[in-house]
Amino acid sequence: MMRTVIRTALLVCAWTLVLAGCSRKEEAAEASAELVHANLSERPARAAAPPAPVKALSPPGMQAQLQSATNTQATDGRRFIRTASVAFGVRDVYRSALSIEDLAAKHGGFVERNDIRTEVDQTRTHTRRDGMRVELSMYTTQGVLTVRVPSERTQEFLRALAGEIEFLDSRSFEATDAQFDLLRQQLAFARHQDAQAALAQVASAPGKTGEKADALDARADAQAQRDEATVARAELEDRIAFARIGLAVHQPPQLRRTERPDLDVAMRREGPGFFARVWEALSDGGRLGLDLIVGITYLWPLWLAAALAVFGIRAWRRRGR
């Protein structure tokens, strides 16, 4: 009886341990399944999430492309000679050239040069059945302008010019320091002034006539040099006061179509018929034959000499026999 109770108790304990282990395995399996499900659910969510937008870098505006510190910088004690060159494409060269002239006048400047030319790139022709020749030409119009505007309004003029530009090919700005050129011109002017004053004293002083004449000639040369220095100084001041801007403009290639009569076709249509051409050929042949006979007649001295030579040879052979 006691053994039966002990066996029953051992069996109950064993089954309890087995059930406890199974419950732990089921809990672990459920936890693993929940973790896998969570991971799988997160992956599509991450994959479905849109990528972060990338900001596209837009090109700078046309006005920004035509800006530079060389057109606006100002330093105490320094003056600049400003020059610029801009090459760009436009819709219509002639219209843009007129607009640029108006812009220059609006900003207190003027136009030094305005050249426009058209170059034909290629031409093709064909003749229609009606005798008209159709000509197709591809051409390009280009223009070169030189504009002078006040130096302090250079950047303002270029901003206004941006409205005419369809595509900017190139641009170049330059500001040359002119302080040493100005100093050189001032010293040269003062030197010529002093030389002229000294020669004036020599010419007015008492002395020989020949010496006075030489002094007057030297004074005249000094005045000429002073005038040249004055002009050079004025030119330098003008280059400082007004910037020089060179503009090269062009437009897309254009197609030109023209019609004109074909001369060859017209000649074939207006020419004589078949029988008329045959009769004309016979007439020309007869005239050619007559001309040949007349030409041979012009050579009668040659024929006479040949006949005499033949007669002489025959007579000599007869005597020999």
C-alpha atoms as a PDB file:
ATOM      1  CA  MET A   1       0.000   0.000   0.000  1.00  0.00           C
ATOM      2  CA  MET A   2       2.798   2.348   0.945  1.00  0.00           C
ATOM      3  CA  ARG A   3       4.641   1.579  -2.315  1.00  0.00           C
ATOM      4  CA  THR A   4       1.562   2.369  -4.364  1.00  0.00           C
ATOM      5  CA  VAL A   5       1.253   5.794  -2.749  1.00  0.00           C
ATOM      6  CA  ILE A   6       4.937   6.523  -3.347  1.00  0.00           C
ATOM      7  CA  ARG A   7       4.660   5.517  -7.043  1.00  0.00           C
ATOM      8  CA  THR A   8       1.590   7.675  -7.462  1.00  0.00           C
ATOM      9  CA  ALA A   9       3.374  10.625  -5.877  1.00  0.00           C
ATOM     10  CA  LEU A  10       6.421  10.141  -8.138  1.00  0.00           C
ATOM     11  CA  LEU A  11       4.251   9.923 -11.236  1.00  0.00           C
ATOM     12  CA  VAL A  12       2.408  13.108 -10.253  1.00  0.00           C
ATOM     13  CA  CYS A  13       5.729  14.926  -9.751  1.00  0.00           C
ATOM     14  CA  ALA A  14       7.083  13.695 -13.095  1.00  0.00           C
ATOM     15  CA  TRP A  15       3.942  14.777 -14.956  1.00  0.00           C
ATOM     16  CA  THR A  16       4.094  18.143 -13.227  1.00  0.00           C
ATOM     17  CA  LEU A  17       7.688  18.685 -14.364  1.00  0.00           C
ATOM     18  CA  VAL A  18       6.823  17.602 -17.923  1.00  0.00           C
ATOM     19  CA  LEU A  19       3.858  19.964 -18.119  1.00  0.00           C
ATOM     20  CA  ALA A  20       5.920  22.828 -16.725  1.00  0.00           C
ATOM     21  CA  GLY A  21       8.653  22.272 -19.367  1.00  0.00           C
ATOM     22  CA  CYS A  22       6.106  22.168 -22.179  1.00  0.00           C
ATOM     23  CA  SER A  23       4.478  25.376 -21.019  1.00  0.00           C
ATOM     24  CA  ARG A  24       7.878  27.114 -20.943  1.00  0.00           C
ATOM     25  CA  LYS A  25       8.672  25.906 -24.485  1.00  0.00           C
ATOM     26  CA  GLU A  26       5.286  27.123 -25.738  1.00  0.00           C
ATOM     27  CA  GLU A  27       5.842  30.535 -24.122  1.00  0.00           C
ATOM     28  CA  ALA A  28       9.329  30.775 -25.689  1.00  0.00           C
ATOM     29  CA  ALA A  29       7.956  29.731 -29.078  1.00  0.00           C
ATOM     30  CA  GLU A  30       5.161  32.291 -28.805  1.00  0.00           C
ATOM     31  CA  ALA A  31       7.684  34.983 -27.842  1.00  0.00           C
ATOM     32  CA  SER A  32       9.913  34.055 -30.802  1.00  0.00           C
ATOM     33  CA  ALA A  33       6.941  34.080 -33.158  1.00  0.00           C
ATOM     34  CA  GLU A  34       5.877  37.495 -31.909  1.00  0.00           C
ATOM     35  CA  LEU A  35       9.445  38.814 -32.353  1.00  0.00           C
ATOM     36  CA  VAL A  36       9.683  37.440 -35.912  1.00  0.00           C
ATOM     37  CA  HIS A  37       6.267  38.886 -36.747  1.00  0.00           C
ATOM     38  CA  ALA A  38       7.324  42.250 -35.379  1.00  0.00           C
ATOM     39  CA  ASN A  39      10.515  42.198 -37.441  1.00  0.00           C
ATOM     40  CA  LEU A  40       8.637  41.219 -40.590  1.00  0.00           C
ATOM     41  CA  SER A  41       6.067  43.931 -40.026  1.00  0.00           C
ATOM     42  CA  GLU A  42       8.806  46.549 -39.506  1.00  0.00           C
ATOM     43  CA  ARG A  43      10.646  45.618 -42.723  1.00  0.00           C
ATOM     44  CA  PRO A  44       7.786  46.478 -45.121  1.00  0.00           C
ATOM     45  CA  ALA A  45       7.169  49.603 -43.138  1.00  0.00           C
ATOM     46  CA  ARG A  46      10.784  50.616 -43.542  1.00  0.00           C
ATOM     47  CA  ALA A  47      10.791  49.611 -47.208  1.00  0.00           C
ATOM     48  CA  ALA A  48       7.560  51.515 -47.836  1.00  0.00           C
ATOM     49  CA  ALA A  49       8.897  54.665 -46.220  1.00  0.00           C
ATOM     50  CA  PRO A  50       9.785  57.168 -48.998  1.00  0.00           C
ATOM     51  CA  PRO A  51      13.406  58.319 -49.216  1.00  0.00           C
ATOM     52  CA  ALA A  52      14.290  61.724 -47.941  1.00  0.00           C
ATOM     53  CA  PRO A  53      13.830  64.309 -50.693  1.00  0.00           C
ATOM     54  CA  VAL A  54      17.044  65.634 -52.232  1.00  0.00           C
ATOM     55  CA  LYS A  55      17.106  69.330 -52.946  1.00  0.00           C
ATOM     56  CA  ALA A  56      17.970  69.983 -56.594  1.00  0.00           C
ATOM     57  CA  LEU A  57      20.583  72.651 -57.183  1.00  0.00           C
ATOM     58  CA  SER A  58      19.037  75.149 -59.585  1.00  0.00           C
ATOM     59  CA  PRO A  59      21.401  77.236 -61.711  1.00  0.00           C
ATOM     60  CA  PRO A  60      21.840  80.868 -60.702  1.00  0.00           C
ATOM     61  CA  GLY A  61      19.679  83.477 -62.353  1.00  0.00           C
ATOM     62  CA  MET A  62      20.909  85.428 -65.348  1.00  0.00           C
ATOM     63  CA  GLN A  63      21.380  88.590 -63.284  1.00  0.00           C
ATOM     64  CA  ALA A  64      23.458  86.647 -60.761  1.00  0.00           C
ATOM     65  CA  GLN A  65      25.643  85.280 -63.556  1.00  0.00           C
ATOM     66  CA  LEU A  66      26.414  88.847 -64.675  1.00  0.00           C
ATOM     67  CA  GLN A  67      27.403  90.122 -61.229  1.00  0.00           C
ATOM     68  CA  SER A  68      30.985  90.601 -60.082  1.00  0.00           C
ATOM     69  CA  ALA A  69      32.838  92.659 -57.489  1.00  0.00           C
ATOM     70  CA  THR A  70      35.090  93.989 -60.259  1.00  0.00           C
ATOM     71  CA  ASN A  71      32.146  96.106 -61.440  1.00  0.00           C
ATOM     72  CA  THR A  72      31.323  97.640 -58.058  1.00  0.00           C
ATOM     73  CA  GLN A  73      34.436  97.652 -55.862  1.00  0.00           C
ATOM     74  CA  ALA A  74      35.664 101.035 -54.684  1.00  0.00           C
ATOM     75  CA  THR A  75      38.849 101.590 -52.694  1.00  0.00           C
ATOM     76  CA  ASP A  76      40.044 104.872 -51.221  1.00  0.00           C
ATOM     77  CA  GLY A  77      42.830 106.373 -53.286  1.00  0.00           C
ATOM     78  CA  ARG A  78      42.374 103.974 -56.197  1.00  0.00           C
ATOM     79  CA  ARG A  79      40.573 104.417 -59.486  1.00  0.00           C
ATOM     80  CA  PHE A  80      39.829 101.575 -61.877  1.00  0.00           C
ATOM     81  CA  ILE A  81      39.584 101.113 -65.610  1.00  0.00           C
ATOM     82  CA  ARG A  82      36.679  98.682 -65.997  1.00  0.00           C
ATOM     83  CA  THR A  83      36.256  96.471 -69.045  1.00  0.00           C
ATOM     84  CA  ALA A  84      33.889  93.584 -69.707  1.00  0.00           C
ATOM     85  CA  SER A  85      33.118  91.141 -72.496  1.00  0.00           C
ATOM     86  CA  VAL A  86      29.928  89.076 -72.717  1.00  0.00           C
ATOM     87  CA  ALA A  87      28.971  86.480 -75.355  1.00  0.00           C
ATOM     88  CA  PHE A  88      25.397  85.228 -75.393  1.00  0.00           C
ATOM     89  CA  GLY A  89      22.543  83.979 -77.547  1.00  0.00           C
ATOM     90  CA  VAL A  90      19.358  85.937 -78.266  1.00  0.00           C
ATOM     91  CA  ARG A  91      16.121  85.341 -80.140  1.00  0.00           C
ATOM     92  CA  ASP A  92      16.610  88.117 -82.697  1.00  0.00           C
ATOM     93  CA  VAL A  93      19.985  89.828 -83.156  1.00  0.00           C
ATOM     94  CA  TYR A  94      18.592  92.975 -84.801  1.00  0.00           C
ATOM     95  CA  ARG A  95      15.918  93.507 -82.164  1.00  0.00           C
ATOM     96  CA  SER A  96      18.379  92.873 -79.338  1.00  0.00           C
ATOM     97  CA  ALA A  97      20.916  95.281 -80.874  1.00  0.00           C
ATOM     98  CA  LEU A  98      18.313  98.063 -80.850  1.00  0.00           C
ATOM     99  CA  SER A  99      17.347  97.220 -77.261  1.00  0.00           C
ATOM    100  CA  ILE A 100      21.006  97.323 -76.186  1.00  0.00           C
ATOM    101  CA  GLU A 101      21.417 100.754 -77.755  1.00  0.00           C
ATOM    102  CA  ASP A 102      18.358 101.965 -75.825  1.00  0.00           C
ATOM    103  CA  LEU A 103      19.746 100.482 -72.591  1.00  0.00           C
ATOM    104  CA  ALA A 104      23.083 102.230 -73.105  1.00  0.00           C
ATOM    105  CA  ALA A 105      21.378 105.595 -73.620  1.00  0.00           C
ATOM    106  CA  LYS A 106      19.126 104.974 -70.607  1.00  0.00           C
ATOM    107  CA  HIS A 107      22.149 104.408 -68.366  1.00  0.00           C
ATOM    108  CA  GLY A 108      23.987 107.499 -69.568  1.00  0.00           C
ATOM    109  CA  GLY A 109      26.266 105.714 -72.044  1.00  0.00           C
ATOM    110  CA  PHE A 110      26.680 105.380 -75.784  1.00  0.00           C
ATOM    111  CA  VAL A 111      27.476 102.792 -78.473  1.00  0.00           C
ATOM    112  CA  GLU A 112      30.900 102.813 -80.133  1.00  0.00           C
ATOM    113  CA  ARG A 113      30.377  99.893 -82.499  1.00  0.00           C
ATOM    114  CA  ASN A 114      27.448  97.951 -83.909  1.00  0.00           C
ATOM    115  CA  ASP A 115      28.320  95.326 -86.530  1.00  0.00           C
ATOM    116  CA  ILE A 116      25.833  92.656 -87.653  1.00  0.00           C
ATOM    117  CA  ARG A 117      26.512  90.063 -90.318  1.00  0.00           C
ATOM    118  CA  THR A 118      24.819  86.971 -91.687  1.00  0.00           C
ATOM    119  CA  GLU A 119      26.750  83.851 -92.660  1.00  0.00           C
ATOM    120  CA  VAL A 120      25.229  81.141 -94.864  1.00  0.00           C
ATOM    121  CA  ASP A 121      26.181  77.733 -93.471  1.00  0.00           C
ATOM    122  CA  GLN A 122      24.843  75.497 -96.236  1.00  0.00           C
ATOM    123  CA  THR A 123      22.620  75.724 -99.318  1.00  0.00           C
ATOM    124  CA  ARG A 124      20.658  73.081-101.201  1.00  0.00           C
ATOM    125  CA  THR A 125      18.666  73.476-104.422  1.00  0.00           C
ATOM    126  CA  HIS A 126      16.327  71.390-106.556  1.00  0.00           C
ATOM    127  CA  THR A 127      14.239  72.060-109.665  1.00  0.00           C
ATOM    128  CA  ARG A 128      10.496  71.520-109.700  1.00  0.00           C
ATOM    129  CA  ARG A 129       8.455  70.314-112.629  1.00  0.00           C
ATOM    130  CA  ASP A 130       7.143  73.807-113.311  1.00  0.00           C
ATOM    131  CA  GLY A 131      10.685  75.012-114.060  1.00  0.00           C
ATOM    132  CA  MET A 132      11.225  76.869-110.776  1.00  0.00           C
ATOM    133  CA  ARG A 133      14.412  76.304-108.796  1.00  0.00           C
ATOM    134  CA  VAL A 134      13.841  76.073-105.042  1.00  0.00           C
ATOM    135  CA  GLU A 135      16.782  77.133-102.878  1.00  0.00           C
ATOM    136  CA  LEU A 136      16.971  76.302 -99.155  1.00  0.00           C
ATOM    137  CA  SER A 137      19.655  78.096 -97.153  1.00  0.00           C
ATOM    138  CA  MET A 138      20.642  77.682 -93.514  1.00  0.00           C
ATOM    139  CA  TYR A 139      22.124  80.894 -92.143  1.00  0.00           C
ATOM    140  CA  THR A 140      23.278  82.340 -88.826  1.00  0.00           C
ATOM    141  CA  THR A 141      23.110  85.997 -87.790  1.00  0.00           C
ATOM    142  CA  GLN A 142      25.800  87.356 -85.474  1.00  0.00           C
ATOM    143  CA  GLY A 143      26.461  90.788 -84.042  1.00  0.00           C
ATOM    144  CA  VAL A 144      29.328  92.587 -82.302  1.00  0.00           C
ATOM    145  CA  LEU A 145      28.674  95.692 -80.206  1.00  0.00           C
ATOM    146  CA  THR A 146      30.902  97.918 -78.087  1.00  0.00           C
ATOM    147  CA  VAL A 147      29.114  99.914 -75.401  1.00  0.00           C
ATOM    148  CA  ARG A 148      30.479 102.636 -73.114  1.00  0.00           C
ATOM    149  CA  VAL A 149      28.594 103.316 -69.870  1.00  0.00           C
ATOM    150  CA  PRO A 150      29.545 105.275 -66.756  1.00  0.00           C
ATOM    151  CA  SER A 151      31.856 103.152 -64.636  1.00  0.00           C
ATOM    152  CA  GLU A 152      29.676 103.380 -61.531  1.00  0.00           C
ATOM    153  CA  ARG A 153      26.645 102.129 -63.509  1.00  0.00           C
ATOM    154  CA  THR A 154      28.341  99.115 -65.103  1.00  0.00           C
ATOM    155  CA  GLN A 155      26.667  96.549 -62.857  1.00  0.00           C
ATOM    156  CA  GLU A 156      23.295  98.227 -63.270  1.00  0.00           C
ATOM    157  CA  PHE A 157      23.618  98.071 -67.055  1.00  0.00           C
ATOM    158  CA  LEU A 158      24.561  94.382 -66.961  1.00  0.00           C
ATOM    159  CA  ARG A 159      21.531  93.585 -64.805  1.00  0.00           C
ATOM    160  CA  ALA A 160      19.295  95.289 -67.343  1.00  0.00           C
ATOM    161  CA  LEU A 161      21.089  93.419 -70.137  1.00  0.00           C
ATOM    162  CA  ALA A 162      20.092  90.075 -68.579  1.00  0.00           C
ATOM    163  CA  GLY A 163      16.572  90.505 -69.973  1.00  0.00           C
ATOM    164  CA  GLU A 164      17.896  90.141 -73.525  1.00  0.00           C
ATOM    165  CA  ILE A 165      19.936  86.982 -72.911  1.00  0.00           C
ATOM    166  CA  GLU A 166      18.563  83.561 -73.830  1.00  0.00           C
ATOM    167  CA  PHE A 167      21.769  81.623 -73.112  1.00  0.00           C
ATOM    168  CA  LEU A 168      25.036  82.928 -71.666  1.00  0.00           C
ATOM    169  CA  ASP A 169      28.099  81.589 -73.485  1.00  0.00           C
ATOM    170  CA  SER A 170      30.820  83.428 -71.558  1.00  0.00           C
ATOM    171  CA  ARG A 171      31.504  86.581 -69.618  1.00  0.00           C
ATOM    172  CA  SER A 172      34.701  88.277 -68.480  1.00  0.00           C
ATOM    173  CA  PHE A 173      35.143  91.277 -66.185  1.00  0.00           C
ATOM    174  CA  GLU A 174      38.332  93.207 -65.461  1.00  0.00           C
ATOM    175  CA  ALA A 175      39.161  96.191 -63.247  1.00  0.00           C
ATOM    176  CA  THR A 176      42.654  97.638 -63.832  1.00  0.00           C
ATOM    177  CA  ASP A 177      44.161  99.863 -61.186  1.00  0.00           C
ATOM    178  CA  ALA A 178      44.928 103.213 -62.886  1.00  0.00           C
ATOM    179  CA  GLN A 179      46.557 105.111 -60.034  1.00  0.00           C
ATOM    180  CA  PHE A 180      50.105 104.683 -61.394  1.00  0.00           C
ATOM    181  CA  ASP A 181      49.049 105.635 -64.904  1.00  0.00           C
ATOM    182  CA  LEU A 182      47.464 108.774 -63.505  1.00  0.00           C
ATOM    183  CA  LEU A 183      50.616 109.599 -61.549  1.00  0.00           C
ATOM    184  CA  ARG A 184      52.741 109.056 -64.648  1.00  0.00           C
ATOM    185  CA  GLN A 185      50.540 111.411 -66.681  1.00  0.00           C
ATOM    186  CA  GLN A 186      50.596 114.066 -63.980  1.00  0.00           C
ATOM    187  CA  LEU A 187      54.389 113.976 -63.727  1.00  0.00           C
ATOM    188  CA  ALA A 188      54.783 114.151 -67.490  1.00  0.00           C
ATOM    189  CA  PHE A 189      52.434 117.124 -67.692  1.00  0.00           C
ATOM    190  CA  ALA A 190      54.302 118.964 -64.917  1.00  0.00           C
ATOM    191  CA  ARG A 191      57.632 118.208 -66.582  1.00  0.00           C
ATOM    192  CA  HIS A 192      56.495 119.653 -69.894  1.00  0.00           C
ATOM    193  CA  GLN A 193      55.073 122.688 -68.123  1.00  0.00           C
ATOM    194  CA  ASP A 194      58.411 123.384 -66.451  1.00  0.00           C
ATOM    195  CA  ALA A 195      60.304 122.911 -69.699  1.00  0.00           C
ATOM    196  CA  GLN A 196      57.979 125.298 -71.509  1.00  0.00           C
ATOM    197  CA  ALA A 197      58.363 127.937 -68.788  1.00  0.00           C
ATOM    198  CA  ALA A 198      62.161 127.656 -68.870  1.00  0.00           C
ATOM    199  CA  LEU A 199      62.259 127.949 -72.663  1.00  0.00           C
ATOM    200  CA  ALA A 200      59.926 130.949 -72.526  1.00  0.00           C
ATOM    201  CA  GLN A 201      62.422 132.744 -70.280  1.00  0.00           C
ATOM    202  CA  VAL A 202      65.275 131.886 -72.614  1.00  0.00           C
ATOM    203  CA  ALA A 203      63.346 133.129 -75.642  1.00  0.00           C
ATOM    204  CA  SER A 204      62.455 136.426 -73.959  1.00  0.00           C
ATOM    205  CA  ALA A 205      65.986 137.078 -72.653  1.00  0.00           C
ATOM    206  CA  PRO A 206      68.294 139.337 -74.711  1.00  0.00           C
ATOM    207  CA  GLY A 207      70.675 137.476 -76.950  1.00  0.00           C
ATOM    208  CA  LYS A 208      71.555 136.607 -80.499  1.00  0.00           C
ATOM    209  CA  THR A 209      68.834 136.066 -83.088  1.00  0.00           C
ATOM    210  CA  GLY A 210      69.967 132.514 -83.849  1.00  0.00           C
ATOM    211  CA  GLU A 211      69.865 131.498 -80.210  1.00  0.00           C
ATOM    212  CA  LYS A 212      66.391 132.986 -79.835  1.00  0.00           C
ATOM    213  CA  ALA A 213      65.210 131.088 -82.904  1.00  0.00           C
ATOM    214  CA  ASP A 214      66.513 127.828 -81.462  1.00  0.00           C
ATOM    215  CA  ALA A 215      64.850 128.625 -78.141  1.00  0.00           C
ATOM    216  CA  LEU A 216      61.526 129.326 -79.904  1.00  0.00           C
ATOM    217  CA  ASP A 217      61.726 126.027 -81.786  1.00  0.00           C
ATOM    218  CA  ALA A 218      62.471 124.155 -78.573  1.00  0.00           C
ATOM    219  CA  ARG A 219      59.567 125.957 -76.903  1.00  0.00           C
ATOM    220  CA  ALA A 220      57.245 124.899 -79.723  1.00  0.00           C
ATOM    221  CA  ASP A 221      58.366 121.277 -79.316  1.00  0.00           C
ATOM    222  CA  ALA A 222      57.793 121.519 -75.570  1.00  0.00           C
ATOM    223  CA  GLN A 223      54.273 122.877 -76.178  1.00  0.00           C
ATOM    224  CA  ALA A 224      53.547 119.993 -78.546  1.00  0.00           C
ATOM    225  CA  GLN A 225      54.725 117.489 -75.946  1.00  0.00           C
ATOM    226  CA  ARG A 226      52.614 119.215 -73.311  1.00  0.00           C
ATOM    227  CA  ASP A 227      49.585 118.997 -75.569  1.00  0.00           C
ATOM    228  CA  GLU A 228      50.228 115.278 -76.146  1.00  0.00           C
ATOM    229  CA  ALA A 229      50.468 114.761 -72.393  1.00  0.00           C
ATOM    230  CA  THR A 230      47.203 116.660 -71.929  1.00  0.00           C
ATOM    231  CA  VAL A 231      45.444 114.499 -74.511  1.00  0.00           C
ATOM    232  CA  ALA A 232      46.858 111.292 -72.993  1.00  0.00           C
ATOM    233  CA  ARG A 233      45.656 112.366 -69.574  1.00  0.00           C
ATOM    234  CA  ALA A 234      42.191 113.152 -70.929  1.00  0.00           C
ATOM    235  CA  GLU A 235      42.027 109.741 -72.645  1.00  0.00           C
ATOM    236  CA  LEU A 236      42.973 108.014 -69.392  1.00  0.00           C
ATOM    237  CA  GLU A 237      40.328 109.975 -67.495  1.00  0.00           C
ATOM    238  CA  ASP A 238      37.766 108.947 -70.111  1.00  0.00           C
ATOM    239  CA  ARG A 239      38.717 105.266 -69.781  1.00  0.00           C
ATOM    240  CA  ILE A 240      38.281 105.554 -66.011  1.00  0.00           C
ATOM    241  CA  ALA A 241      34.996 107.424 -66.194  1.00  0.00           C
ATOM    242  CA  PHE A 242      33.354 105.140 -68.791  1.00  0.00           C
ATOM    243  CA  ALA A 243      33.600 101.360 -68.750  1.00  0.00           C
ATOM    244  CA  ARG A 244      34.031  99.582 -72.060  1.00  0.00           C
ATOM    245  CA  ILE A 245      31.752  96.554 -72.582  1.00  0.00           C
ATOM    246  CA  GLY A 246      32.141  94.271 -75.594  1.00  0.00           C
ATOM    247  CA  LEU A 247      29.084  92.230 -76.561  1.00  0.00           C
ATOM    248  CA  ALA A 248      29.011  89.279 -78.983  1.00  0.00           C
ATOM    249  CA  VAL A 249      25.469  88.140 -79.773  1.00  0.00           C
ATOM    250  CA  HIS A 250      24.108  85.383 -81.977  1.00  0.00           C
ATOM    251  CA  GLN A 251      20.767  83.744 -82.655  1.00  0.00           C
ATOM    252  CA  PRO A 252      19.767  80.161 -83.565  1.00  0.00           C
ATOM    253  CA  PRO A 253      20.223  79.122 -87.205  1.00  0.00           C
ATOM    254  CA  GLN A 254      17.409  80.187 -89.496  1.00  0.00           C
ATOM    255  CA  LEU A 255      16.049  78.628 -92.713  1.00  0.00           C
ATOM    256  CA  ARG A 256      15.483  80.730 -95.819  1.00  0.00           C
ATOM    257  CA  ARG A 257      13.453  79.500 -98.803  1.00  0.00           C
ATOM    258  CA  THR A 258      13.567  81.231-102.173  1.00  0.00           C
ATOM    259  CA  GLU A 259      12.180  80.416-105.613  1.00  0.00           C
ATOM    260  CA  ARG A 260      13.660  81.564-108.898  1.00  0.00           C
ATOM    261  CA  PRO A 261      13.306  80.476-112.553  1.00  0.00           C
ATOM    262  CA  ASP A 262      15.690  77.783-113.775  1.00  0.00           C
ATOM    263  CA  LEU A 263      17.499  79.111-116.855  1.00  0.00           C
ATOM    264  CA  ASP A 264      18.377  75.647-118.197  1.00  0.00           C
ATOM    265  CA  VAL A 265      14.757  74.516-118.088  1.00  0.00           C
ATOM    266  CA  ALA A 266      13.620  77.745-119.727  1.00  0.00           C
ATOM    267  CA  MET A 267      16.171  77.326-122.509  1.00  0.00           C
ATOM    268  CA  ARG A 268      15.020  73.772-123.176  1.00  0.00           C
ATOM    269  CA  ARG A 269      11.416  74.916-123.353  1.00  0.00           C
ATOM    270  CA  GLU A 270      12.055  77.993-125.480  1.00  0.00           C
ATOM    271  CA  GLY A 271      14.621  76.311-127.755  1.00  0.00           C
ATOM    272  CA  PRO A 272      13.935  75.072-131.330  1.00  0.00           C
ATOM    273  CA  GLY A 273      12.229  71.739-132.083  1.00  0.00           C
ATOM    274  CA  PHE A 274      13.789  68.542-133.354  1.00  0.00           C
ATOM    275  CA  PHE A 275      13.498  69.157-137.122  1.00  0.00           C
ATOM    276  CA  ALA A 276      14.622  72.725-136.728  1.00  0.00           C
ATOM    277  CA  ARG A 277      17.678  71.551-134.848  1.00  0.00           C
ATOM    278  CA  VAL A 278      18.398  68.923-137.574  1.00  0.00           C
ATOM    279  CA  TRP A 279      18.133  71.547-140.322  1.00  0.00           C
ATOM    280  CA  GLU A 280      20.339  73.873-138.297  1.00  0.00           C
ATOM    281  CA  ALA A 281      22.900  71.060-137.885  1.00  0.00           C
ATOM    282  CA  LEU A 282      22.917  70.424-141.649  1.00  0.00           C
ATOM    283  CA  SER A 283      23.351  74.116-142.347  1.00  0.00           C
ATOM    284  CA  ASP A 284      26.169  74.399-139.826  1.00  0.00           C
ATOM    285  CA  GLY A 285      27.827  71.300-141.337  1.00  0.00           C
ATOM    286  CA  GLY A 286      27.616  72.784-144.846  1.00  0.00           C
ATOM    287  CA  ARG A 287      29.069  76.052-143.676  1.00  0.00           C
ATOM    288  CA  LEU A 288      31.831  74.155-141.909  1.00  0.00           C
ATOM    289  CA  GLY A 289      32.647  72.266-145.133  1.00  0.00           C
ATOM    290  CA  LEU A 290      32.803  75.475-147.153  1.00  0.00           C
ATOM    291  CA  ASP A 291      34.986  77.074-144.502  1.00  0.00           C
ATOM    292  CA  LEU A 292      37.298  74.040-144.700  1.00  0.00           C
ATOM    293  CA  ILE A 293      37.613  74.391-148.489  1.00  0.00           C
ATOM    294  CA  VAL A 294      38.351  78.073-148.156  1.00  0.00           C
ATOM    295  CA  GLY A 295      40.969  77.321-145.513  1.00  0.00           C
ATOM    296  CA  ILE A 296      42.648  74.782-147.764  1.00  0.00           C
ATOM    297  CA  THR A 297      42.664  77.337-150.579  1.00  0.00           C
ATOM    298  CA  TYR A 298      44.650  79.698-148.389  1.00  0.00           C
ATOM    299  CA  LEU A 299      47.473  77.109-148.536  1.00  0.00           C
ATOM    300  CA  TRP A 300      47.855  77.225-152.375  1.00  0.00           C
ATOM    301  CA  PRO A 301      51.599  78.122-152.200  1.00  0.00           C
ATOM    302  CA  LEU A 302      52.177  74.931-150.261  1.00  0.00           C
ATOM    303  CA  TRP A 303      50.270  72.877-152.807  1.00  0.00           C
ATOM    304  CA  LEU A 304      52.180  74.538-155.695  1.00  0.00           C
ATOM    305  CA  ALA A 305      55.521  73.810-154.042  1.00  0.00           C
ATOM    306  CA  ALA A 306      54.485  70.199-153.457  1.00  0.00           C
ATOM    307  CA  ALA A 307      53.447  69.826-157.130  1.00  0.00           C
ATOM    308  CA  LEU A 308      56.756  71.292-158.371  1.00  0.00           C
ATOM    309  CA  ALA A 309      58.670  68.979-156.057  1.00  0.00           C
ATOM    310  CA  VAL A 310      56.799  65.924-157.382  1.00  0.00           C
ATOM    311  CA  PHE A 311      57.343  67.046-160.983  1.00  0.00           C
ATOM    312  CA  GLY A 312      61.069  67.597-160.347  1.00  0.00           C
ATOM    313  CA  ILE A 313      61.521  64.176-158.740  1.00  0.00           C
ATOM    314  CA  ARG A 314      59.832  62.448-161.641  1.00  0.00           C
ATOM    315  CA  ALA A 315      61.954  64.314-164.201  1.00  0.00           C
ATOM    316  CA  TRP A 316      65.163  63.398-162.344  1.00  0.00           C
ATOM    317  CA  ARG A 317      64.163  59.725-162.292  1.00  0.00           C
ATOM    318  CA  ARG A 318      63.515  59.760-166.044  1.00  0.00           C
ATOM    319  CA  ARG A 319      66.940  61.164-166.768  1.00  0.00           C
ATOM    320  CA  GLY A 320      68.536  58.534-164.599  1.00  0.00           C
ATOM    321  CA  ARG A 321      66.971  55.775-166.637  1.00  0.00           C
END
